[in-house]
C-alpha atoms as a PDB file:
ATOM      1  CA  MET A   1    -139.600   7.280 109.573  1.00  0.00           C
ATOM      2  CA  THR A   2    -139.898   7.798 105.612  1.00  0.00           C
ATOM      3  CA  HIS A   3    -137.702  10.683 104.131  1.00  0.00           C
ATOM      4  CA  ARG A   4    -141.026  12.288 103.585  1.00  0.00           C
ATOM      5  CA  SER A   5    -141.976  12.406 107.278  1.00  0.00           C
ATOM      6  CA  VAL A   6    -138.269  13.463 108.137  1.00  0.00           C
ATOM      7  CA  PHE A   7    -138.450  16.275 105.847  1.00  0.00           C
ATOM      8  CA  LYS A   8    -142.032  17.655 107.368  1.00  0.00           C
ATOM      9  CA  ASN A   9    -140.548  17.316 110.752  1.00  0.00           C
ATOM     10  CA  ARG A  10    -137.309  19.456 109.721  1.00  0.00           C
ATOM     11  CA  ILE A  11    -139.482  22.187 108.087  1.00  0.00           C
ATOM     12  CA  SER A  12    -141.420  22.217 111.098  1.00  0.00           C
ATOM     13  CA  LEU A  13    -138.607  22.669 113.320  1.00  0.00           C
ATOM     14  CA  LEU A  14    -137.209  25.313 111.204  1.00  0.00           C
ATOM     15  CA  GLY A  15    -140.409  27.229 111.181  1.00  0.00           C
ATOM     16  CA  LYS A  16    -140.533  27.268 114.653  1.00  0.00           C
ATOM     17  CA  ALA A  17    -137.172  28.498 115.124  1.00  0.00           C
ATOM     18  CA  LEU A  18    -137.763  31.324 112.379  1.00  0.00           C
ATOM     19  CA  LYS A  19    -140.749  32.473 114.443  1.00  0.00           C
ATOM     20  CA  ALA A  20    -138.627  32.743 117.762  1.00  0.00           C
ATOM     21  CA  ALA A  21    -135.877  34.376 115.659  1.00  0.00           C
ATOM     22  CA  PHE A  22    -137.564  36.995 114.009  1.00  0.00           C
ATOM     23  CA  PRO A  23    -138.371  39.269 116.705  1.00  0.00           C
ATOM     24  CA  ILE A  24    -134.557  39.146 117.918  1.00  0.00           C
ATOM     25  CA  THR A  25    -133.443  39.976 114.426  1.00  0.00           C
ATOM     26  CA  LEU A  26    -135.766  43.210 113.887  1.00  0.00           C
ATOM     27  CA  PRO A  27    -132.996  45.474 114.853  1.00  0.00           C
ATOM     28  CA  VAL A  28    -130.749  43.879 112.242  1.00  0.00           C
ATOM     29  CA  LEU A  29    -133.780  43.972 109.593  1.00  0.00           C
ATOM     30  CA  ALA A  30    -133.959  47.777 110.133  1.00  0.00           C
ATOM     31  CA  GLY A  31    -130.067  48.071 110.043  1.00  0.00           C
ATOM     32  CA  TYR A  32    -129.513  45.682 106.854  1.00  0.00           C
ATOM     33  CA  LEU A  33    -132.332  47.101 104.790  1.00  0.00           C
ATOM     34  CA  VAL A  34    -130.225  50.255 105.159  1.00  0.00           C
ATOM     35  CA  LEU A  35    -126.956  49.059 104.903  1.00  0.00           C
ATOM     36  CA  GLY A  36    -127.812  46.746 102.114  1.00  0.00           C
ATOM     37  CA  PHE A  37    -129.759  49.596 100.219  1.00  0.00           C
ATOM     38  CA  GLY A  38    -126.413  51.577 100.421  1.00  0.00           C
ATOM     39  CA  PHE A  39    -124.153  48.930  99.064  1.00  0.00           C
ATOM     40  CA  GLY A  40    -126.430  48.227  96.105  1.00  0.00           C
ATOM     41  CA  LEU A  41    -126.686  51.832  95.316  1.00  0.00           C
ATOM     42  CA  LEU A  42    -122.763  52.020  95.569  1.00  0.00           C
ATOM     43  CA  LEU A  43    -122.327  49.226  93.174  1.00  0.00           C
ATOM     44  CA  ASN A  44    -124.659  50.636  90.947  1.00  0.00           C
ATOM     45  CA  SER A  45    -122.886  53.621  90.403  1.00  0.00           C
ATOM     46  CA  LYS A  46    -119.651  51.480  89.871  1.00  0.00           C
ATOM     47  CA  GLY A  47    -121.697  50.235  86.809  1.00  0.00           C
ATOM     48  CA  TYR A  48    -122.795  46.893  88.259  1.00  0.00           C
ATOM     49  CA  GLY A  49    -126.583  45.769  87.804  1.00  0.00           C
ATOM     50  CA  PRO A  50    -128.773  43.639  90.042  1.00  0.00           C
ATOM     51  CA  GLN A  51    -127.504  40.627  89.096  1.00  0.00           C
ATOM     52  CA  TRP A  52    -124.053  41.331  90.712  1.00  0.00           C
ATOM     53  CA  ALA A  53    -125.791  42.709  93.726  1.00  0.00           C
ATOM     54  CA  LEU A  54    -127.621  39.565  94.117  1.00  0.00           C
ATOM     55  CA  LEU A  55    -124.390  37.285  93.402  1.00  0.00           C
ATOM     56  CA  MET A  56    -122.478  39.139  96.022  1.00  0.00           C
ATOM     57  CA  CYS A  57    -124.922  39.339  98.712  1.00  0.00           C
ATOM     58  CA  LEU A  58    -125.392  35.616  98.196  1.00  0.00           C
ATOM     59  CA  LEU A  59    -121.846  34.323  97.776  1.00  0.00           C
ATOM     60  CA  THR A  60    -119.518  36.986  99.312  1.00  0.00           C
ATOM     61  CA  TYR A  61    -122.135  38.286 101.969  1.00  0.00           C
ATOM     62  CA  SER A  62    -119.384  40.341 104.084  1.00  0.00           C
ATOM     63  CA  GLY A  63    -120.975  43.857 104.696  1.00  0.00           C
ATOM     64  CA  SER A  64    -117.842  46.049 105.097  1.00  0.00           C
ATOM     65  CA  MET A  65    -116.016  43.752 102.422  1.00  0.00           C
ATOM     66  CA  GLN A  66    -118.844  44.298  99.998  1.00  0.00           C
ATOM     67  CA  TYR A  67    -118.374  48.160 100.231  1.00  0.00           C
ATOM     68  CA  ALA A  68    -114.566  47.702  99.847  1.00  0.00           C
ATOM     69  CA  ALA A  69    -114.910  45.451  96.832  1.00  0.00           C
ATOM     70  CA  CYS A  70    -117.004  48.209  94.941  1.00  0.00           C
ATOM     71  CA  ASP A  71    -114.026  50.454  94.713  1.00  0.00           C
ATOM     72  CA  LEU A  72    -111.829  47.225  94.117  1.00  0.00           C
ATOM     73  CA  LEU A  73    -113.794  46.204  91.389  1.00  0.00           C
ATOM     74  CA  ALA A  74    -114.105  49.643  89.511  1.00  0.00           C
ATOM     75  CA  SER A  75    -110.272  50.106  89.835  1.00  0.00           C
ATOM     76  CA  GLY A  76    -109.578  46.799  88.530  1.00  0.00           C
ATOM     77  CA  ALA A  77    -107.358  45.392  91.604  1.00  0.00           C
ATOM     78  CA  SER A  78    -105.668  42.165  91.238  1.00  0.00           C
ATOM     79  CA  LEU A  79    -106.620  39.008  92.869  1.00  0.00           C
ATOM     80  CA  ILE A  80    -103.666  38.991  95.282  1.00  0.00           C
ATOM     81  CA  SER A  81    -104.764  42.563  96.421  1.00  0.00           C
ATOM     82  CA  CYS A  82    -108.341  41.487  96.844  1.00  0.00           C
ATOM     83  CA  ALA A  83    -107.407  38.507  99.047  1.00  0.00           C
ATOM     84  CA  VAL A  84    -105.155  40.595 101.340  1.00  0.00           C
ATOM     85  CA  ILE A  85    -107.571  43.403 101.523  1.00  0.00           C
ATOM     86  CA  THR A  86    -110.323  40.562 102.516  1.00  0.00           C
ATOM     87  CA  LEU A  87    -107.830  39.134 105.028  1.00  0.00           C
ATOM     88  CA  ILE A  88    -107.371  42.554 106.895  1.00  0.00           C
ATOM     89  CA  ILE A  89    -110.807  43.471 106.986  1.00  0.00           C
ATOM     90  CA  ASN A  90    -112.428  40.227 107.947  1.00  0.00           C
ATOM     91  CA  ALA A  91    -109.653  39.021 110.286  1.00  0.00           C
ATOM     92  CA  ARG A  92    -111.701  39.661 113.225  1.00  0.00           C
ATOM     93  CA  HIS A  93    -114.100  36.852 112.260  1.00  0.00           C
ATOM     94  CA  LEU A  94    -111.131  34.536 113.262  1.00  0.00           C
ATOM     95  CA  PHE A  95    -111.922  35.700 116.755  1.00  0.00           C
ATOM     96  CA  TYR A  96    -115.468  35.419 116.241  1.00  0.00           C
ATOM     97  CA  GLY A  97    -115.012  31.878 115.426  1.00  0.00           C
ATOM     98  CA  LEU A  98    -112.838  30.966 118.359  1.00  0.00           C
ATOM     99  CA  SER A  99    -115.352  32.188 120.627  1.00  0.00           C
ATOM    100  CA  LEU A 100    -118.195  30.202 119.030  1.00  0.00           C
ATOM    101  CA  LEU A 101    -116.280  26.868 119.091  1.00  0.00           C
ATOM    102  CA  THR A 102    -118.114  25.594 121.902  1.00  0.00           C
ATOM    103  CA  ARG A 103    -121.478  27.022 120.707  1.00  0.00           C
ATOM    104  CA  TYR A 104    -121.441  25.423 117.549  1.00  0.00           C
ATOM    105  CA  LYS A 105    -119.859  22.113 118.706  1.00  0.00           C
ATOM    106  CA  ASN A 106    -123.104  20.165 117.958  1.00  0.00           C
ATOM    107  CA  MET A 107    -124.801  21.884 115.007  1.00  0.00           C
ATOM    108  CA  GLY A 108    -124.293  19.090 112.684  1.00  0.00           C
ATOM    109  CA  LYS A 109    -124.988  19.870 108.818  1.00  0.00           C
ATOM    110  CA  ALA A 110    -125.945  23.502 109.511  1.00  0.00           C
ATOM    111  CA  LYS A 111    -122.273  24.246 110.628  1.00  0.00           C
ATOM    112  CA  PRO A 112    -120.875  25.028 107.291  1.00  0.00           C
ATOM    113  CA  TYR A 113    -123.528  27.672 106.733  1.00  0.00           C
ATOM    114  CA  LEU A 114    -123.253  28.846 110.225  1.00  0.00           C
ATOM    115  CA  MET A 115    -119.662  29.752 109.850  1.00  0.00           C
ATOM    116  CA  PHE A 116    -120.364  31.137 106.323  1.00  0.00           C
ATOM    117  CA  GLY A 117    -123.134  33.367 107.594  1.00  0.00           C
ATOM    118  CA  LEU A 118    -121.268  34.570 110.699  1.00  0.00           C
ATOM    119  CA  THR A 119    -121.291  38.722 110.622  1.00  0.00           C
ATOM    120  CA  ASP A 120    -120.748  41.117 113.194  1.00  0.00           C
ATOM    121  CA  GLU A 121    -124.386  41.279 113.869  1.00  0.00           C
ATOM    122  CA  THR A 122    -125.285  37.546 113.592  1.00  0.00           C
ATOM    123  CA  PHE A 123    -122.532  37.222 116.113  1.00  0.00           C
ATOM    124  CA  SER A 124    -123.755  39.820 118.332  1.00  0.00           C
ATOM    125  CA  LEU A 125    -127.431  38.204 118.350  1.00  0.00           C
ATOM    126  CA  THR A 126    -126.050  34.742 118.894  1.00  0.00           C
ATOM    127  CA  VAL A 127    -123.813  35.609 121.844  1.00  0.00           C
ATOM    128  CA  SER A 128    -126.256  37.967 123.401  1.00  0.00           C
ATOM    129  CA  ASN A 129    -129.585  35.798 123.311  1.00  0.00           C
ATOM    130  CA  ASP A 130    -130.263  32.455 124.822  1.00  0.00           C
ATOM    131  CA  VAL A 131    -132.111  29.714 123.183  1.00  0.00           C
ATOM    132  CA  PRO A 132    -135.609  29.928 124.026  1.00  0.00           C
ATOM    133  CA  ASN A 133    -137.144  27.056 125.903  1.00  0.00           C
ATOM    134  CA  GLY A 134    -138.370  24.360 123.695  1.00  0.00           C
ATOM    135  CA  GLN A 135    -136.041  25.434 120.715  1.00  0.00           C
ATOM    136  CA  SER A 136    -133.318  23.480 119.251  1.00  0.00           C
ATOM    137  CA  PRO A 137    -130.150  25.370 119.273  1.00  0.00           C
ATOM    138  CA  ARG A 138    -129.179  24.216 115.765  1.00  0.00           C
ATOM    139  CA  TYR A 139    -132.212  25.500 114.193  1.00  0.00           C
ATOM    140  CA  PHE A 140    -132.437  28.729 116.021  1.00  0.00           C
ATOM    141  CA  TYR A 141    -128.896  29.930 115.594  1.00  0.00           C
ATOM    142  CA  PHE A 142    -129.636  28.857 111.676  1.00  0.00           C
ATOM    143  CA  ALA A 143    -132.767  30.701 111.625  1.00  0.00           C
ATOM    144  CA  ILE A 144    -130.863  33.979 112.718  1.00  0.00           C
ATOM    145  CA  THR A 145    -128.230  33.410 110.390  1.00  0.00           C
ATOM    146  CA  LEU A 146    -130.748  32.940 107.514  1.00  0.00           C
ATOM    147  CA  LEU A 147    -132.896  35.829 108.457  1.00  0.00           C
ATOM    148  CA  ASP A 148    -130.121  38.057 108.604  1.00  0.00           C
ATOM    149  CA  GLN A 149    -128.772  37.250 105.145  1.00  0.00           C
ATOM    150  CA  ILE A 150    -132.254  37.498 103.675  1.00  0.00           C
ATOM    151  CA  TYR A 151    -132.357  40.983 105.160  1.00  0.00           C
ATOM    152  CA  TRP A 152    -129.083  41.798 103.285  1.00  0.00           C
ATOM    153  CA  ILE A 153    -130.058  40.393 100.127  1.00  0.00           C
ATOM    154  CA  ILE A 154    -133.428  42.446  99.895  1.00  0.00           C
ATOM    155  CA  GLY A 155    -131.405  45.595 101.057  1.00  0.00           C
ATOM    156  CA  GLY A 156    -128.770  45.237  98.256  1.00  0.00           C
ATOM    157  CA  LEU A 157    -131.157  44.328  95.626  1.00  0.00           C
ATOM    158  CA  ILE A 158    -133.699  47.300  96.436  1.00  0.00           C
ATOM    159  CA  GLY A 159    -130.496  49.741  96.567  1.00  0.00           C
ATOM    160  CA  ASN A 160    -129.144  48.523  93.070  1.00  0.00           C
ATOM    161  CA  ILE A 161    -132.404  48.602  91.530  1.00  0.00           C
ATOM    162  CA  PHE A 162    -133.346  52.042  92.974  1.00  0.00           C
ATOM    163  CA  GLY A 163    -130.013  53.287  92.096  1.00  0.00           C
ATOM    164  CA  THR A 164    -130.786  52.404  88.355  1.00  0.00           C
ATOM    165  CA  LEU A 165    -133.918  53.926  88.206  1.00  0.00           C
ATOM    166  CA  VAL A 166    -132.701  57.203  90.418  1.00  0.00           C
ATOM    167  CA  PRO A 167    -129.335  58.225  89.951  1.00  0.00           C
ATOM    168  CA  LEU A 168    -128.063  59.644  93.031  1.00  0.00           C
ATOM    169  CA  ASN A 169    -124.744  61.149  94.499  1.00  0.00           C
ATOM    170  CA  THR A 170    -123.362  58.038  96.834  1.00  0.00           C
ATOM    171  CA  LYS A 171    -120.778  59.774  98.700  1.00  0.00           C
ATOM    172  CA  GLY A 172    -120.661  59.172 102.280  1.00  0.00           C
ATOM    173  CA  VAL A 173    -123.000  56.056 101.755  1.00  0.00           C
ATOM    174  CA  ASP A 174    -120.045  53.796 102.998  1.00  0.00           C
ATOM    175  CA  PHE A 175    -120.268  55.308 106.210  1.00  0.00           C
ATOM    176  CA  SER A 176    -123.570  53.382 106.945  1.00  0.00           C
ATOM    177  CA  MET A 177    -121.584  50.229 108.054  1.00  0.00           C
ATOM    178  CA  THR A 178    -119.621  52.360 110.488  1.00  0.00           C
ATOM    179  CA  ALA A 179    -122.973  53.886 111.989  1.00  0.00           C
ATOM    180  CA  LEU A 180    -124.105  50.156 112.595  1.00  0.00           C
ATOM    181  CA  PHE A 181    -121.190  49.007 114.482  1.00  0.00           C
ATOM    182  CA  ILE A 182    -121.695  52.261 116.917  1.00  0.00           C
ATOM    183  CA  VAL A 183    -125.476  51.089 117.233  1.00  0.00           C
ATOM    184  CA  ILE A 184    -124.793  47.738 118.013  1.00  0.00           C
ATOM    185  CA  VAL A 185    -121.956  48.655 120.653  1.00  0.00           C
ATOM    186  CA  LEU A 186    -124.034  50.943 122.266  1.00  0.00           C
ATOM    187  CA  SER A 187    -126.660  48.096 122.269  1.00  0.00           C
ATOM    188  CA  ASN A 188    -124.228  46.214 124.196  1.00  0.00           C
ATOM    189  CA  LEU A 189    -123.409  49.101 126.797  1.00  0.00           C
ATOM    190  CA  LEU A 190    -126.977  48.906 127.860  1.00  0.00           C
ATOM    191  CA  LYS A 191    -127.125  45.403 128.680  1.00  0.00           C
ATOM    192  CA  LYS A 192    -125.677  44.462 132.111  1.00  0.00           C
ATOM    193  CA  LYS A 193    -124.792  40.830 130.799  1.00  0.00           C
ATOM    194  CA  THR A 194    -122.559  42.480 128.074  1.00  0.00           C
ATOM    195  CA  ARG A 195    -121.220  45.928 129.327  1.00  0.00           C
ATOM    196  CA  LEU A 196    -118.014  45.084 131.003  1.00  0.00           C
ATOM    197  CA  SER A 197    -116.863  43.267 128.052  1.00  0.00           C
ATOM    198  CA  SER A 198    -117.854  46.096 125.964  1.00  0.00           C
ATOM    199  CA  VAL A 199    -116.146  48.465 127.788  1.00  0.00           C
ATOM    200  CA  ILE A 200    -112.775  46.336 127.662  1.00  0.00           C
ATOM    201  CA  GLY A 201    -113.395  45.918 124.228  1.00  0.00           C
ATOM    202  CA  LEU A 202    -113.430  49.562 123.521  1.00  0.00           C
ATOM    203  CA  ALA A 203    -110.601  50.337 125.827  1.00  0.00           C
ATOM    204  CA  CYS A 204    -108.320  47.770 123.913  1.00  0.00           C
ATOM    205  CA  ALA A 205    -109.399  49.523 120.650  1.00  0.00           C
ATOM    206  CA  MET A 206    -108.698  52.993 121.657  1.00  0.00           C
ATOM    207  CA  ILE A 207    -105.212  52.119 123.252  1.00  0.00           C
ATOM    208  CA  CYS A 208    -104.483  50.232 120.173  1.00  0.00           C
ATOM    209  CA  LEU A 209    -105.449  53.070 117.881  1.00  0.00           C
ATOM    210  CA  VAL A 210    -103.171  55.584 119.867  1.00  0.00           C
ATOM    211  CA  ILE A 211     -99.976  53.458 119.782  1.00  0.00           C
ATOM    212  CA  PHE A 212    -100.505  51.781 116.028  1.00  0.00           C
ATOM    213  CA  GLY A 213    -102.581  54.434 114.341  1.00  0.00           C
ATOM    214  CA  PRO A 214    -105.780  54.432 112.476  1.00  0.00           C
ATOM    215  CA  GLU A 215    -104.225  52.497 109.551  1.00  0.00           C
ATOM    216  CA  ASN A 216    -102.885  49.685 111.601  1.00  0.00           C
ATOM    217  CA  PHE A 217    -104.817  49.465 114.589  1.00  0.00           C
ATOM    218  CA  LEU A 218    -107.475  46.877 113.719  1.00  0.00           C
ATOM    219  CA  ILE A 219    -105.593  43.581 113.829  1.00  0.00           C
ATOM    220  CA  PRO A 220    -103.502  44.447 117.101  1.00  0.00           C
ATOM    221  CA  SER A 221    -106.603  45.347 118.685  1.00  0.00           C
ATOM    222  CA  MET A 222    -108.484  42.238 118.017  1.00  0.00           C
ATOM    223  CA  VAL A 223    -105.524  40.134 119.313  1.00  0.00           C
ATOM    224  CA  VAL A 224    -105.124  42.481 122.391  1.00  0.00           C
ATOM    225  CA  ARG A 225    -108.888  42.132 122.911  1.00  0.00           C
ATOM    226  CA  ALA A 226    -109.261  38.605 122.865  1.00  0.00           C
ATOM    227  CA  VAL A 227    -106.280  38.015 125.041  1.00  0.00           C
ATOM    228  CA  VAL A 228    -107.647  40.369 127.676  1.00  0.00           C
ATOM    229  CA  LEU A 229    -111.081  39.062 127.474  1.00  0.00           C
ATOM    230  CA  ILE A 230    -109.826  35.332 127.985  1.00  0.00           C
ATOM    231  CA  ALA A 231    -107.625  36.460 130.909  1.00  0.00           C
ATOM    232  CA  ALA A 232    -110.643  38.882 132.311  1.00  0.00           C
ATOM    233  CA  ARG A 233    -113.294  36.130 132.090  1.00  0.00           C
ATOM    234  CA  PRO A 234    -113.428  35.018 135.791  1.00  0.00           C
ATOM    235  CA  LEU A 235    -113.654  38.713 136.697  1.00  0.00           C
ATOM    236  CA  ILE A 236    -116.414  39.043 134.196  1.00  0.00           C
ATOM    237  CA  THR A 237    -118.364  35.902 135.399  1.00  0.00           C
ATOM    238  CA  LYS A 238    -117.986  37.385 138.828  1.00  0.00           C
ATOM    239  CA  VAL A 239    -119.232  41.022 138.010  1.00  0.00           C
ATOM    240  CA  ILE A 240    -122.199  39.473 135.976  1.00  0.00           C
ATOM    241  CA  GLY A 241    -123.157  37.158 138.969  1.00  0.00           C
ATOM    242  CA  ASP A 242    -124.832  34.042 138.598  1.00  0.00           C
ATOM    243  CA  GLU A 243    -124.534  33.823 134.763  1.00  0.00           C
ATOM    244  CA  ARG A 244    -125.775  30.588 133.275  1.00  0.00           C
ATOM    245  CA  GLU A 245    -123.377  28.009 131.751  1.00  0.00           C
ATOM    246  CA  ASP A 246    -125.920  27.188 129.257  1.00  0.00           C
ATOM    247  CA  ALA A 247    -125.577  30.721 127.917  1.00  0.00           C
ATOM    248  CA  ALA A 248    -122.265  29.865 126.637  1.00  0.00           C
ATOM    249  CA  ASP A 249    -122.753  26.120 125.781  1.00  0.00           C
ATOM    250  CA  PRO A 250    -126.400  25.591 125.442  1.00  0.00           C
ATOM    251  CA  ALA A 251    -127.399  22.180 125.808  1.00  0.00           C
ATOM    252  CA  PRO A 252    -129.661  20.506 122.861  1.00  0.00           C
ATOM    253  CA  VAL A 253    -133.267  20.442 123.726  1.00  0.00           C
ATOM    254  CA  SER A 254    -134.727  17.111 124.446  1.00  0.00           C
ATOM    255  CA  ASN A 255    -136.822  17.353 121.226  1.00  0.00           C
ATOM    256  CA  LYS A 256    -137.919  14.164 119.987  1.00  0.00           C
ATOM    257  CA  GLU A 257    -138.673  15.132 116.682  1.00  0.00           C
ATOM    258  CA  GLU A 258    -135.188  16.557 115.979  1.00  0.00           C
ATOM    259  CA  ALA A 259    -133.481  13.205 117.258  1.00  0.00           C
ATOM    260  CA  ARG A 260    -135.660  11.135 114.775  1.00  0.00           C
ATOM    261  CA  CYS A 261    -134.403  13.519 111.871  1.00  0.00           C
ATOM    262  CA  ASP A 262    -130.846  13.227 112.958  1.00  0.00           C
ATOM    263  CA  ALA A 263    -131.107   9.540 113.489  1.00  0.00           C
ATOM    264  CA  ASP A 264    -132.478   9.070 109.922  1.00  0.00           C
END
């Protein structure tokens, strides 16, 4: 195949994946427009215009960390302080990545972006939705990740521009990220497939909160949660019932167009 044909086939596969992923990402669209708006508004209140909002949404793309970065930038925090705080806030992504090793095993050139674009909401959509029939896992997961970031960029830009035009009191805006996490947990509790694991995760977090306190419980709760969920995996699988193995390790579809693209 010529390079032009390969490119057209890949665009076609991506278009199909975006069409399949869009309905799944609608809850994130609603949340990210609001959360991104809040971030853009908060960043503008610290004196940083739309170009900075765009750069942060493109290159940083870490919701809770971007909210924290607004105060770090305004206070002139050192690079070391920023690095340590970033590690603490985003430490949970280490466990997200570990749980996706099998799922992202054969992602090819898309894998670096899938790793970069792994947010709480993208992780939730990835693990709670099966790849539709006839879809390539690689393009499907890429489409979910891409759409989520686009929503975040749009929300951040609109919020920053709005803050420039209409000065507002931004007190309490940073709570919007916590509100989205609550919505995601409640959504998982309503699904039989993720209910037990969500309850276990909440229980681990509450126990660590009591033991370590609100300032230090995050990382211990992530570690304890990962260990307990791994140990309880047989029980979770038994409770769920005949859970399909391909939900955790989706086999690539036999798509001749994708195969030819990869071969070239």
